Amino acid sequence: MKKSRLFIDDSHAAGTDLPEYLPSTDELVSCLSDIDPSVRSDAANAGTREPTPAVPIFGQPSRTADSVATSGRKAACPRVSIVMAVHNGETLIRKAIESALAQTEQSLELIVVDDGSTDGTRAAVDHYRKHDPRVRLIAGRTRRGPGHARNRGIDAAKGEWIAVLDADDWYSKERLEILLAAADRHGASLLADNQLFVRDDGSRPHRRLIRASKGKPRRLTTSGLLRNDRIGRTGNFGLLKPIVRRQALIAHGIRYNEDIALGEDFYFLLDCLRRMETLLLIPEPHYFYRIHRASISSSPAVETLIPMLKAQRVHTRQFDPALQPETRQLMHERTNDLERYIRYKTLMERLAFGDLRGASERIAKDPGTLFLLARGVARFLERQSAIYWARFLTVL
């Protein structure tokens, strides 16, 4: 069985998360020599040196040669590792996988991390894995959340770049080629593109994340991200799906937050910007973002927002008010927005369950929630009107 087709089931791992496999010495030399040519010359002289004890590689546990599954041939390091976390995505994941494998940039691997699915997700992935050695499947017995799943995928990745693709979204076929070319031209280590939003019925895209879809790439800073990502508003930049150099993630210790089920993309991007300063933003949209009711982000429950508020407060403290006053102020504003949104969602949940007394008590205790309710109704009507006119113009 080839390494690229290795199937991992952590049901026997007693709660530990072992890497899918460790590369052989030849593979490491091939990968690392692209970064530091001296690695290859050092490896060539290794036979004249005394053997040294095995040490962990990139923070992974060391293993003996006998414990590493090899395919009997030297595997080239892919340029891009696409990480896809999925939970019960049987009905939608095929389009995502096919868009990844159809990329014009063919030097890639697709790492699908199944987060404890109970439907036919693994069987769907296994179909592609059997026919394309670039597909790898890491299976989890229990659901641990999208942040944990993506971290497992990143830990198993071998590519120069890390790209993320949600299991219900898809890429245009040129996406990776265009982003990598832009990275080479501008010397970027972190970049993303515009997005097209598509309804669950698979109809034509009805809007873009960023209105402008032409022009030169621009640099997005931390403060720029915060100004364009406000709680309760559509078109937030926290939805961006960046590609980032894997070595940059390792060097800065950047990980997805595993304690939240909502907003993990935003805080990952925030951490990247805090350490890498800017993101190169491409105005052309090549990422298709599916909007459907099953998505947690479409109508988040209060119980998913509370951990997000805790994460928001932790990240706010990471910005020094003396050195980064604007960013710190924007983070405080975001915290206030999130607190107001939680009050609004609490009121809406009580109304949805017919708890009129509880809703009245909430309004009496916090009259500002009545304003939030009115604004929420207005925004709902505005969205419905936009959908109606979009469909009307499509018919014409």
Protein backbone atom coordinates (compact mmCIF):
# COMPACT_ATOMS: atom_id res chain seq x y z
CA MET A 1 0.00 0.00 0.00
CA LYS A 2 1.37 3.40 -0.99
CA LYS A 3 2.01 6.02 1.65
CA SER A 4 -0.14 8.52 -0.17
CA ARG A 5 -3.06 6.12 0.17
CA LEU A 6 -2.50 5.25 3.78
CA PHE A 7 -5.75 5.12 5.74
CA ILE A 8 -5.52 6.16 9.36
CA ASP A 9 -8.09 5.12 11.95
CA ASP A 10 -7.32 6.55 15.36
CA SER A 11 -9.76 4.29 17.16
CA HIS A 12 -6.79 2.34 18.52
CA ALA A 13 -4.74 5.37 19.47
CA ALA A 14 -6.18 5.83 22.96
CA GLY A 15 -6.87 9.50 22.37
CA THR A 16 -3.50 10.33 20.83
CA ASP A 17 -3.07 11.90 17.40
CA LEU A 18 -0.17 10.24 15.60
CA PRO A 19 1.06 11.62 12.28
CA GLU A 20 -0.06 9.66 9.25
CA TYR A 21 3.52 8.78 8.37
CA LEU A 22 7.04 10.14 8.65
CA PRO A 23 8.99 10.74 5.42
CA SER A 24 12.13 8.80 4.71
CA THR A 25 15.58 10.44 4.76
CA ASP A 26 15.65 10.70 0.96
CA GLU A 27 12.29 12.44 0.95
CA LEU A 28 13.37 14.90 3.64
CA VAL A 29 16.56 15.71 1.75
CA SER A 30 14.57 16.27 -1.44
CA CYS A 31 12.12 18.58 0.31
CA LEU A 32 14.58 20.51 2.49
CA SER A 33 17.21 20.99 -0.21
CA ASP A 34 14.74 23.24 -2.02
CA ILE A 35 14.89 25.50 1.02
CA ASP A 36 18.58 25.09 1.94
CA PRO A 37 20.90 23.58 -0.72
CA SER A 38 23.46 22.73 1.97
CA VAL A 39 21.12 20.02 3.20
CA ARG A 40 21.82 17.86 0.14
CA SER A 41 25.61 18.23 0.44
CA ASP A 42 25.45 17.41 4.13
CA ALA A 43 23.40 14.33 3.39
CA ALA A 44 25.91 13.19 0.77
CA ASN A 45 28.63 13.15 3.41
CA ALA A 46 26.48 11.44 6.00
CA GLY A 47 28.01 8.05 5.26
CA THR A 48 31.37 9.16 6.67
CA ARG A 49 29.90 10.21 9.99
CA GLU A 50 28.97 8.20 13.01
CA PRO A 51 25.23 7.58 13.27
CA THR A 52 23.35 9.93 15.59
CA PRO A 53 20.27 9.12 17.65
CA ALA A 54 16.92 9.74 16.00
CA VAL A 55 15.37 13.09 16.88
CA PRO A 56 11.83 14.40 16.38
CA ILE A 57 11.19 15.95 12.96
CA PHE A 58 9.15 19.16 12.95
CA GLY A 59 7.89 18.35 16.45
CA GLN A 60 6.73 14.85 15.50
CA PRO A 61 7.72 11.78 17.54
CA SER A 62 10.77 9.96 16.22
CA ARG A 63 10.32 6.45 14.85
CA THR A 64 12.60 3.68 13.70
CA ALA A 65 12.84 2.79 10.03
CA ASP A 66 10.86 -0.40 10.61
CA SER A 67 7.89 1.57 11.95
CA VAL A 68 7.62 3.82 8.90
CA ALA A 69 5.56 2.54 5.99
CA THR A 70 7.33 3.19 2.70
CA SER A 71 6.28 2.61 -0.88
CA GLY A 72 9.68 1.47 -2.20
CA ARG A 73 10.18 4.58 -4.34
CA LYS A 74 11.18 8.16 -3.77
CA ALA A 75 8.13 10.41 -3.45
CA ALA A 76 8.46 13.98 -4.70
CA CYS A 77 7.25 16.66 -2.34
CA PRO A 78 4.10 18.32 -3.69
CA ARG A 79 4.06 22.06 -4.08
CA VAL A 80 0.67 22.39 -2.36
CA SER A 81 -1.04 20.41 0.39
CA ILE A 82 -4.79 20.99 0.32
CA VAL A 83 -6.31 20.32 3.75
CA MET A 84 -10.01 19.45 3.87
CA ALA A 85 -11.79 18.90 7.17
CA VAL A 86 -15.17 17.19 6.93
CA HIS A 87 -17.95 15.92 9.16
CA ASN A 88 -20.90 14.12 7.56
CA GLY A 89 -20.25 15.65 4.16
CA GLU A 90 -21.22 12.70 1.99
CA THR A 91 -23.65 14.66 -0.19
CA LEU A 92 -21.37 17.64 -0.93
CA ILE A 93 -17.76 16.51 -0.70
CA ARG A 94 -17.48 15.04 -4.18
CA LYS A 95 -17.59 18.43 -5.89
CA ALA A 96 -14.93 19.74 -3.51
CA ILE A 97 -12.61 16.79 -4.13
CA GLU A 98 -13.03 16.90 -7.89
CA SER A 99 -12.25 20.63 -7.97
CA ALA A 100 -9.04 20.00 -6.04
CA LEU A 101 -7.88 17.16 -8.28
CA ALA A 102 -8.74 19.12 -11.45
CA GLN A 103 -6.35 21.99 -10.61
CA THR A 104 -4.07 23.13 -13.40
CA GLU A 105 -1.34 23.10 -10.74
CA GLN A 106 -0.94 19.34 -10.56
CA SER A 107 1.84 19.18 -7.96
CA LEU A 108 -0.46 18.75 -5.01
CA GLU A 109 -1.78 16.39 -2.39
CA LEU A 110 -5.30 16.42 -0.97
CA ILE A 111 -5.48 15.53 2.72
CA VAL A 112 -9.05 14.80 3.81
CA VAL A 113 -9.46 14.69 7.59
CA ASP A 114 -12.71 13.01 8.54
CA ASP A 115 -13.93 14.43 11.85
CA GLY A 116 -15.91 11.46 13.15
CA SER A 117 -18.47 11.21 10.34
CA THR A 118 -21.34 8.78 10.73
CA ASP A 119 -22.55 8.82 7.13
CA GLY A 120 -20.86 7.64 3.95
CA THR A 121 -18.18 10.35 3.87
CA ARG A 122 -15.24 7.96 4.22
CA ALA A 123 -16.53 5.70 1.48
CA ALA A 124 -16.90 8.69 -0.83
CA VAL A 125 -13.33 9.80 -0.14
CA ASP A 126 -12.03 6.25 -0.45
CA HIS A 127 -13.39 6.08 -4.00
CA TYR A 128 -11.12 8.94 -5.08
CA ARG A 129 -8.22 7.68 -2.96
CA LYS A 130 -8.19 4.38 -4.84
CA HIS A 131 -8.01 6.12 -8.20
CA ASP A 132 -5.68 9.02 -7.42
CA PRO A 133 -2.56 8.60 -5.25
CA ARG A 134 -2.62 12.31 -4.40
CA VAL A 135 -5.62 11.76 -2.13
CA ARG A 136 -4.93 10.89 1.51
CA LEU A 137 -7.51 10.14 4.19
CA ILE A 138 -7.08 10.61 7.93
CA ALA A 139 -10.05 9.28 9.87
CA GLY A 140 -11.07 10.25 13.39
CA ARG A 141 -13.33 8.09 15.51
CA THR A 142 -14.95 10.99 17.38
CA ARG A 143 -15.87 14.53 16.43
CA ARG A 144 -13.23 16.98 17.67
CA GLY A 145 -14.12 20.07 15.64
CA PRO A 146 -12.82 21.76 12.48
CA GLY A 147 -9.79 23.32 14.16
CA HIS A 148 -8.51 19.97 15.41
CA ALA A 149 -9.13 18.33 12.03
CA ARG A 150 -7.26 21.03 10.12
CA ASN A 151 -4.34 20.88 12.53
CA ARG A 152 -4.07 17.13 11.91
CA GLY A 153 -4.05 17.77 8.20
CA ILE A 154 -1.35 20.42 8.47
CA ASP A 155 0.76 18.12 10.65
CA ALA A 156 0.55 15.41 7.97
CA ALA A 157 1.24 17.77 5.05
CA LYS A 158 4.40 17.55 2.95
CA GLY A 159 3.81 20.45 0.55
CA GLU A 160 5.59 23.77 0.36
CA TRP A 161 2.24 25.54 0.67
CA ILE A 162 -0.85 24.84 2.77
CA ALA A 163 -4.26 25.55 1.25
CA VAL A 164 -7.62 25.01 2.92
CA LEU A 165 -10.78 23.84 1.18
CA ASP A 166 -14.03 23.28 3.03
CA ALA A 167 -15.84 20.08 2.11
CA ASP A 168 -18.93 21.96 0.92
CA ASP A 169 -17.03 24.49 -1.23
CA TRP A 170 -14.91 24.22 -4.36
CA TYR A 171 -12.09 25.87 -6.35
CA SER A 172 -11.97 27.15 -9.88
CA LYS A 173 -9.54 24.95 -11.81
CA GLU A 174 -6.89 27.71 -12.08
CA ARG A 175 -7.05 28.87 -8.45
CA LEU A 176 -3.82 27.40 -7.12
CA GLU A 177 -1.85 28.22 -10.28
CA ILE A 178 -2.94 31.87 -10.12
CA LEU A 179 -2.22 32.25 -6.40
CA LEU A 180 1.20 30.61 -6.64
CA ALA A 181 2.14 32.80 -9.60
CA ALA A 182 1.12 35.88 -7.59
CA ALA A 183 3.17 34.65 -4.64
CA ASP A 184 6.23 34.30 -6.86
CA ARG A 185 5.77 37.75 -8.41
CA HIS A 186 5.26 39.58 -5.13
CA GLY A 187 7.38 37.46 -2.80
CA ALA A 188 4.36 36.68 -0.60
CA SER A 189 4.12 33.94 2.02
CA LEU A 190 0.44 34.54 2.81
CA LEU A 191 -2.22 35.31 0.23
CA ALA A 192 -5.88 34.79 -0.61
CA ASP A 193 -8.36 35.55 -3.34
CA ASN A 194 -11.88 36.92 -3.63
CA GLN A 195 -14.85 34.57 -3.23
CA LEU A 196 -18.09 33.82 -5.03
CA PHE A 197 -21.10 32.93 -2.89
CA VAL A 198 -23.37 30.19 -4.18
CA ARG A 199 -26.69 29.08 -2.76
CA ASP A 200 -27.28 25.52 -1.72
CA ASP A 201 -29.35 24.80 -4.82
CA GLY A 202 -26.19 25.12 -6.94
CA SER A 203 -27.45 28.12 -8.87
CA ARG A 204 -25.19 30.81 -10.29
CA PRO A 205 -23.12 32.81 -7.80
CA HIS A 206 -25.24 35.69 -6.50
CA ARG A 207 -22.53 37.92 -5.00
CA ARG A 208 -18.83 38.30 -4.29
CA LEU A 209 -17.10 38.66 -0.95
CA ILE A 210 -15.32 41.77 -2.24
CA ARG A 211 -17.25 43.87 -4.75
CA ALA A 212 -14.25 44.74 -6.91
CA SER A 213 -13.17 41.69 -8.90
CA LYS A 214 -10.50 43.33 -11.06
CA GLY A 215 -7.39 45.36 -10.47
CA LYS A 216 -4.05 44.93 -8.76
CA PRO A 217 -3.54 42.80 -5.64
CA ARG A 218 -3.46 44.76 -2.40
CA ARG A 219 -1.86 44.22 0.97
CA LEU A 220 -4.19 43.42 3.86
CA THR A 221 -2.98 44.21 7.38
CA THR A 222 -4.33 43.15 10.76
CA SER A 223 -6.26 46.38 11.15
CA GLY A 224 -7.58 45.98 7.60
CA LEU A 225 -8.91 42.54 8.47
CA LEU A 226 -10.63 43.84 11.59
CA ARG A 227 -12.22 46.79 9.79
CA ASN A 228 -13.66 44.40 7.20
CA ASP A 229 -14.90 41.71 9.59
CA ARG A 230 -17.72 42.86 11.84
CA ILE A 231 -19.98 40.56 13.80
CA GLY A 232 -23.46 40.12 12.33
CA ARG A 233 -22.51 41.54 8.94
CA THR A 234 -22.30 39.68 5.65
CA GLY A 235 -19.18 39.77 3.51
CA ASN A 236 -16.63 39.41 6.29
CA PHE A 237 -12.95 39.00 5.46
CA GLY A 238 -12.69 36.28 8.10
CA LEU A 239 -14.18 34.00 5.44
CA LEU A 240 -11.04 34.28 3.29
CA LYS A 241 -9.31 30.97 2.60
CA PRO A 242 -5.60 31.79 2.45
CA ILE A 243 -2.71 29.76 1.19
CA VAL A 244 0.38 30.01 3.39
CA ARG A 245 3.91 28.66 3.27
CA ARG A 246 4.10 25.60 5.52
CA GLN A 247 7.51 26.61 6.87
CA ALA A 248 6.03 29.93 8.02
CA LEU A 249 3.38 28.09 10.04
CA ILE A 250 6.06 25.91 11.61
CA ALA A 251 8.42 28.82 12.33
CA HIS A 252 5.71 30.90 14.02
CA GLY A 253 3.87 28.01 15.67
CA ILE A 254 0.56 29.02 14.08
CA ARG A 255 -2.29 26.60 14.72
CA TYR A 256 -6.06 26.55 14.40
CA ASN A 257 -7.95 27.14 17.64
CA GLU A 258 -9.38 23.76 18.64
CA ASP A 259 -11.67 25.12 21.37
CA ILE A 260 -14.16 26.82 19.05
CA ALA A 261 -16.53 25.48 16.40
CA LEU A 262 -17.17 28.88 14.86
CA GLY A 263 -14.72 31.60 13.84
CA GLU A 264 -11.64 29.36 13.71
CA ASP A 265 -10.86 30.64 10.19
CA PHE A 266 -10.86 34.25 11.39
CA TYR A 267 -8.54 33.64 14.34
CA PHE A 268 -6.18 31.54 12.23
CA LEU A 269 -5.94 34.39 9.73
CA LEU A 270 -5.55 36.90 12.57
CA ASP A 271 -2.62 34.90 13.98
CA CYS A 272 -1.02 34.72 10.53
CA LEU A 273 -1.29 38.48 10.09
CA ARG A 274 -0.06 39.21 13.61
CA ARG A 275 3.15 37.32 12.89
CA MET A 276 3.55 37.79 9.14
CA GLU A 277 2.24 41.39 8.96
CA THR A 278 0.46 41.39 5.58
CA LEU A 279 -1.64 39.20 3.31
CA LEU A 280 -1.61 39.62 -0.46
CA LEU A 281 -5.26 39.84 -1.52
CA ILE A 282 -6.13 38.94 -5.13
CA PRO A 283 -9.34 40.66 -6.34
CA GLU A 284 -10.31 37.91 -8.80
CA PRO A 285 -12.62 35.29 -7.23
CA HIS A 286 -11.54 31.67 -7.56
CA TYR A 287 -13.06 30.20 -4.40
CA PHE A 288 -16.73 29.16 -4.45
CA TYR A 289 -18.33 29.46 -1.02
CA ARG A 290 -21.54 27.49 -0.59
CA ILE A 291 -24.23 28.97 1.65
CA HIS A 292 -26.62 26.42 3.13
CA ARG A 293 -28.70 25.97 6.24
CA ALA A 294 -26.66 23.05 7.58
CA SER A 295 -23.64 25.33 7.99
CA ILE A 296 -22.90 26.36 11.59
CA SER A 297 -22.03 29.87 10.47
CA SER A 298 -25.38 30.41 8.70
CA SER A 299 -27.29 30.67 11.99
CA PRO A 300 -24.97 30.15 14.97
CA ALA A 301 -26.42 29.09 18.30
CA VAL A 302 -25.54 30.90 21.51
CA GLU A 303 -23.69 27.83 22.75
CA THR A 304 -21.24 28.11 19.84
CA LEU A 305 -20.81 31.87 20.31
CA ILE A 306 -19.74 31.73 23.97
CA PRO A 307 -16.40 29.91 23.24
CA MET A 308 -15.85 32.36 20.40
CA LEU A 309 -16.22 35.28 22.83
CA LYS A 310 -13.62 33.69 25.13
CA ALA A 311 -11.23 33.31 22.19
CA GLN A 312 -11.86 36.92 21.20
CA ARG A 313 -10.86 38.17 24.65
CA VAL A 314 -7.70 36.04 24.66
CA HIS A 315 -6.62 37.34 21.25
CA THR A 316 -7.36 40.93 22.26
CA ARG A 317 -4.81 40.70 25.06
CA GLN A 318 -2.15 39.65 22.55
CA PHE A 319 -2.03 43.17 21.09
CA ASP A 320 -0.06 45.73 23.08
CA PRO A 321 -2.16 48.92 23.49
CA ALA A 322 1.02 51.02 23.55
CA LEU A 323 2.55 49.52 20.40
CA GLN A 324 -0.64 48.66 18.49
CA PRO A 325 -3.31 51.10 19.69
CA GLU A 326 -5.45 50.97 16.53
CA THR A 327 -5.52 47.19 16.40
CA ARG A 328 -6.24 46.94 20.12
CA GLN A 329 -9.15 49.38 19.75
CA LEU A 330 -10.57 47.46 16.79
CA MET A 331 -10.35 44.23 18.80
CA HIS A 332 -12.27 45.87 21.66
CA GLU A 333 -14.94 46.99 19.20
CA ARG A 334 -15.19 43.47 17.86
CA THR A 335 -15.59 42.13 21.40
CA ASN A 336 -18.44 44.59 22.02
CA ASP A 337 -20.08 43.60 18.74
CA LEU A 338 -19.89 39.94 19.69
CA GLU A 339 -21.38 40.57 23.14
CA ARG A 340 -24.30 42.47 21.57
CA TYR A 341 -24.81 39.71 19.01
CA ILE A 342 -24.97 37.10 21.76
CA ARG A 343 -27.64 39.14 23.54
CA TYR A 344 -29.58 39.36 20.29
CA LYS A 345 -29.28 35.61 19.61
CA THR A 346 -30.37 34.83 23.18
CA LEU A 347 -33.50 36.91 22.64
CA MET A 348 -34.19 35.27 19.27
CA GLU A 349 -33.79 31.77 20.69
CA ARG A 350 -36.32 32.52 23.43
CA LEU A 351 -38.78 33.87 20.89
CA ALA A 352 -38.23 30.84 18.65
CA PHE A 353 -39.11 28.52 21.53
CA GLY A 354 -42.19 30.56 22.40
CA ASP A 355 -40.72 31.82 25.65
CA LEU A 356 -42.43 35.21 25.54
CA ARG A 357 -41.98 35.77 29.24
CA GLY A 358 -38.26 35.10 29.04
CA ALA A 359 -37.97 37.36 25.97
CA SER A 360 -39.85 40.16 27.76
CA GLU A 361 -37.60 39.84 30.79
CA ARG A 362 -34.55 40.03 28.53
CA ILE A 363 -35.84 43.20 26.85
CA ALA A 364 -36.72 44.78 30.20
CA LYS A 365 -33.27 43.97 31.56
CA ASP A 366 -31.48 45.08 28.42
CA PRO A 367 -33.63 47.46 26.31
CA GLY A 368 -30.89 47.61 23.71
CA THR A 369 -31.86 44.13 22.56
CA LEU A 370 -35.10 45.56 21.17
CA PHE A 371 -33.06 47.73 18.82
CA LEU A 372 -30.97 44.70 17.88
CA LEU A 373 -34.15 42.75 17.16
CA ALA A 374 -35.48 45.50 14.89
CA ARG A 375 -32.17 45.71 13.05
CA GLY A 376 -32.09 41.93 12.64
CA VAL A 377 -35.58 41.92 11.12
CA ALA A 378 -34.59 44.75 8.76
CA ARG A 379 -31.51 42.89 7.59
CA PHE A 380 -33.55 39.70 7.06
CA LEU A 381 -36.03 41.58 4.88
CA GLU A 382 -33.17 43.20 2.98
CA ARG A 383 -31.60 39.82 2.23
CA GLN A 384 -34.92 38.34 1.15
CA SER A 385 -35.50 41.28 -1.16
CA ALA A 386 -32.03 40.86 -2.70
CA ILE A 387 -32.68 37.15 -3.28
CA TYR A 388 -36.06 37.90 -4.89
CA TRP A 389 -34.64 40.47 -7.29
CA ALA A 390 -31.69 38.25 -8.17
CA ARG A 391 -34.04 35.43 -9.12
CA PHE A 392 -36.32 37.84 -11.01
CA LEU A 393 -33.43 39.17 -13.08
CA THR A 394 -32.24 35.61 -13.75
CA VAL A 395 -35.65 34.77 -15.22
CA LEU A 396 -35.48 37.84 -17.45
